[in-house]
């Protein structure tokens, strides 16, 4: 298990796996923290190389993440949704603000191109999950809202959503650091 310290440019790596119970935590500058001297550093200079245990931790994290995503897909299919339809419904329901999201806002959230988002919404509308709704102040703007069927399918996945919320609280600090270091996503 990797644990990052609260120090601005350091991380502490500790291990919870049975094989690594005797391993001492490793303190190193955060590789991703751009405010640290050297930022991302140069690969191969020794400072940025991972230990075998850190690769094992990386594998464990990625395996757990893939298993969680597969479980999420299976749960969505169990209530009659495709995984992307489920994500669409979560995007609409979780949209901040008083009004439902526009197609552009949904595309941005899902990291999709506009035309791909339109196709996704068309299929969800055909399935009775969402409906287009004219903006009350600007009739040129189309908003997307859930239908009662879409709400019901989303509510049927409440346990899944609670699990995601708990997972988010665990990984958000690490993801925030990754997002700062990563180039913008291209759609």
Protein backbone atom coordinates (compact mmCIF):
# COMPACT_ATOMS: atom_id res chain seq x y z
CA UNK A 1 0.00 0.00 0.00
CA UNK A 2 1.36 3.42 -0.94
CA UNK A 3 0.82 6.20 1.56
CA UNK A 4 1.81 9.74 0.65
CA UNK A 5 2.89 12.04 3.45
CA UNK A 6 1.42 15.47 3.98
CA UNK A 7 4.84 17.02 3.42
CA UNK A 8 4.66 19.05 0.20
CA UNK A 9 7.41 17.22 -1.68
CA UNK A 10 7.69 13.83 -0.03
CA UNK A 11 5.85 10.56 0.00
CA UNK A 12 6.02 7.65 2.37
CA UNK A 13 5.53 4.20 0.97
CA UNK A 14 4.42 1.52 3.39
CA UNK A 15 3.33 -2.01 2.67
CA UNK A 16 0.35 -3.97 3.96
CA UNK A 17 0.86 -7.12 1.92
CA UNK A 18 1.88 -10.20 3.93
CA UNK A 19 5.15 -10.56 2.02
CA UNK A 20 6.16 -7.01 2.81
CA UNK A 21 5.21 -6.78 6.51
CA UNK A 22 8.85 -6.41 7.48
CA UNK A 23 9.67 -3.80 4.84
CA UNK A 24 10.51 -0.34 6.10
CA UNK A 25 8.58 2.61 4.67
CA UNK A 26 10.40 4.43 1.90
CA UNK A 27 10.40 8.24 2.00
CA UNK A 28 11.07 9.88 -1.34
CA UNK A 29 10.24 13.13 -3.10
CA UNK A 30 6.90 12.96 -4.82
CA UNK A 31 7.56 12.10 -8.44
CA UNK A 32 4.45 13.90 -9.64
CA UNK A 33 4.62 17.04 -7.53
CA UNK A 34 5.71 19.78 -9.93
CA UNK A 35 6.53 22.17 -7.10
CA UNK A 36 9.35 19.90 -5.93
CA UNK A 37 12.84 20.47 -7.21
CA UNK A 38 13.12 18.65 -10.48
CA UNK A 39 9.38 18.17 -10.99
CA UNK A 40 8.90 14.94 -12.88
CA UNK A 41 12.63 14.52 -13.15
CA UNK A 42 14.42 12.61 -15.85
CA UNK A 43 13.62 8.95 -16.12
CA UNK A 44 16.58 6.75 -15.43
CA UNK A 45 18.38 9.18 -13.12
CA UNK A 46 17.72 6.89 -10.16
CA UNK A 47 15.47 9.28 -8.27
CA UNK A 48 12.40 8.40 -10.31
CA UNK A 49 12.90 4.64 -10.56
CA UNK A 50 10.39 2.51 -8.71
CA UNK A 51 11.35 -0.33 -6.43
CA UNK A 52 10.15 -3.85 -7.11
CA UNK A 53 7.67 -3.46 -4.22
CA UNK A 54 6.35 -0.21 -5.68
CA UNK A 55 5.74 -2.02 -8.98
CA UNK A 56 3.95 -4.74 -6.99
CA UNK A 57 1.83 -2.02 -5.36
CA UNK A 58 1.14 -0.53 -8.80
CA UNK A 59 0.04 -3.92 -10.07
CA UNK A 60 -2.18 -4.45 -7.04
CA UNK A 61 -3.79 -1.02 -7.44
CA UNK A 62 -4.41 -1.50 -11.17
CA UNK A 63 -5.77 -5.01 -10.64
CA UNK A 64 -8.17 -3.77 -7.95
CA UNK A 65 -9.21 -0.86 -10.14
CA UNK A 66 -9.88 -3.14 -13.12
CA UNK A 67 -11.85 -5.56 -10.91
CA UNK A 68 -13.91 -2.69 -9.54
CA UNK A 69 -14.61 -1.37 -13.02
CA UNK A 70 -15.60 -4.85 -14.23
CA UNK A 71 -17.90 -5.25 -11.20
CA UNK A 72 -19.43 -1.83 -11.95
CA UNK A 73 -20.07 -2.89 -15.56
CA UNK A 74 -21.70 -6.15 -14.43
CA UNK A 75 -23.93 -4.31 -11.95
CA UNK A 76 -25.03 -1.84 -14.64
CA UNK A 77 -25.84 -4.69 -17.03
CA UNK A 78 -27.82 -6.44 -14.29
CA UNK A 79 -30.30 -3.55 -14.26
CA UNK A 80 -30.40 -3.33 -18.07
CA UNK A 81 -27.87 -0.57 -18.69
CA UNK A 82 -24.69 -0.57 -20.68
CA UNK A 83 -21.70 0.76 -18.71
CA UNK A 84 -21.64 3.96 -20.79
CA UNK A 85 -25.39 4.48 -20.27
CA UNK A 86 -24.80 4.14 -16.54
CA UNK A 87 -22.04 6.75 -16.70
CA UNK A 88 -24.34 9.03 -18.71
CA UNK A 89 -27.07 8.77 -16.06
CA UNK A 90 -24.59 9.48 -13.26
CA UNK A 91 -23.29 12.47 -15.22
CA UNK A 92 -26.78 13.90 -15.62
CA UNK A 93 -27.84 13.24 -12.02
CA UNK A 94 -24.57 14.55 -10.58
CA UNK A 95 -24.42 17.69 -12.71
CA UNK A 96 -23.96 20.76 -10.49
CA UNK A 97 -26.43 23.58 -10.77
CA UNK A 98 -30.15 24.00 -10.84
CA UNK A 99 -30.63 22.98 -14.47
CA UNK A 100 -29.84 19.66 -16.15
CA UNK A 101 -26.66 19.57 -18.27
CA UNK A 102 -26.36 20.47 -21.92
CA UNK A 103 -24.97 18.03 -24.47
CA UNK A 104 -21.68 19.95 -24.44
CA UNK A 105 -21.40 19.70 -20.65
CA UNK A 106 -22.08 15.97 -20.81
CA UNK A 107 -19.47 15.54 -23.56
CA UNK A 108 -16.90 17.37 -21.47
CA UNK A 109 -17.65 15.30 -18.38
CA UNK A 110 -17.51 11.99 -20.27
CA UNK A 111 -14.46 13.09 -22.30
CA UNK A 112 -16.31 12.39 -25.53
CA UNK A 113 -16.67 14.30 -28.77
CA UNK A 114 -19.91 16.18 -29.25
CA UNK A 115 -21.22 13.93 -32.02
CA UNK A 116 -20.44 10.77 -29.98
CA UNK A 117 -22.35 12.26 -27.05
CA UNK A 118 -25.33 13.04 -29.29
CA UNK A 119 -25.37 9.40 -30.46
CA UNK A 120 -25.17 8.16 -26.85
CA UNK A 121 -28.05 10.45 -25.83
CA UNK A 122 -30.09 9.35 -28.88
CA UNK A 123 -29.73 5.70 -27.83
CA UNK A 124 -30.54 6.50 -24.19
CA UNK A 125 -33.57 8.50 -25.30
CA UNK A 126 -34.74 5.59 -27.49
CA UNK A 127 -34.41 3.34 -24.41
CA UNK A 128 -36.57 5.75 -22.39
CA UNK A 129 -33.76 6.69 -19.96
CA UNK A 130 -33.39 10.40 -20.78
CA UNK A 131 -35.26 13.17 -22.52
CA UNK A 132 -34.29 16.40 -24.21
CA UNK A 133 -35.64 19.51 -22.56
CA UNK A 134 -35.48 23.10 -23.85
CA UNK A 135 -33.69 25.58 -21.61
CA UNK A 136 -36.34 27.78 -19.96
CA UNK A 137 -34.38 30.98 -20.63
CA UNK A 138 -32.79 30.23 -24.01
CA UNK A 139 -34.77 28.00 -26.37
CA UNK A 140 -31.67 27.39 -28.50
CA UNK A 141 -30.09 25.39 -25.66
CA UNK A 142 -31.12 21.77 -25.21
CA UNK A 143 -30.73 20.17 -21.80
CA UNK A 144 -30.82 16.47 -21.00
CA UNK A 145 -32.72 15.15 -18.00
CA UNK A 146 -33.50 11.73 -16.62
CA UNK A 147 -36.88 10.11 -17.13
CA UNK A 148 -38.56 8.21 -14.27
CA UNK A 149 -37.20 5.00 -15.83
CA UNK A 150 -33.67 6.44 -15.89
CA UNK A 151 -34.02 7.57 -12.26
CA UNK A 152 -35.25 4.11 -11.26
CA UNK A 153 -32.35 2.30 -12.91
CA UNK A 154 -29.88 4.70 -11.35
CA UNK A 155 -31.43 4.24 -7.90
CA UNK A 156 -31.24 0.45 -8.34
CA UNK A 157 -27.46 0.86 -8.33
CA UNK A 158 -27.32 2.61 -4.93
CA UNK A 159 -24.86 0.10 -3.40
CA UNK A 160 -22.55 0.58 -6.34
CA UNK A 161 -22.72 4.34 -5.92
CA UNK A 162 -21.93 4.15 -2.20
CA UNK A 163 -18.91 1.98 -2.99
CA UNK A 164 -17.71 4.51 -5.59
CA UNK A 165 -18.10 7.37 -3.11
CA UNK A 166 -16.02 5.53 -0.53
CA UNK A 167 -13.39 4.65 -3.15
CA UNK A 168 -13.27 8.27 -4.29
CA UNK A 169 -12.43 9.47 -0.79
CA UNK A 170 -9.47 7.08 -0.73
CA UNK A 171 -7.96 7.89 -4.11
CA UNK A 172 -8.83 11.56 -4.66
CA UNK A 173 -5.59 12.93 -3.14
CA UNK A 174 -3.50 10.73 -5.44
CA UNK A 175 -5.62 11.42 -8.51
CA UNK A 176 -5.39 15.17 -7.92
CA UNK A 177 -1.60 14.92 -8.08
CA UNK A 178 -1.80 12.82 -11.27
CA UNK A 179 -4.21 15.26 -12.91
CA UNK A 180 -1.87 18.18 -12.25
CA UNK A 181 1.03 16.32 -13.87
CA UNK A 182 -0.86 14.80 -16.80
CA UNK A 183 -1.41 16.54 -20.12
CA UNK A 184 -5.03 17.48 -20.91
CA UNK A 185 -7.21 14.69 -22.26
CA UNK A 186 -7.93 14.87 -25.97
CA UNK A 187 -11.38 13.98 -27.27
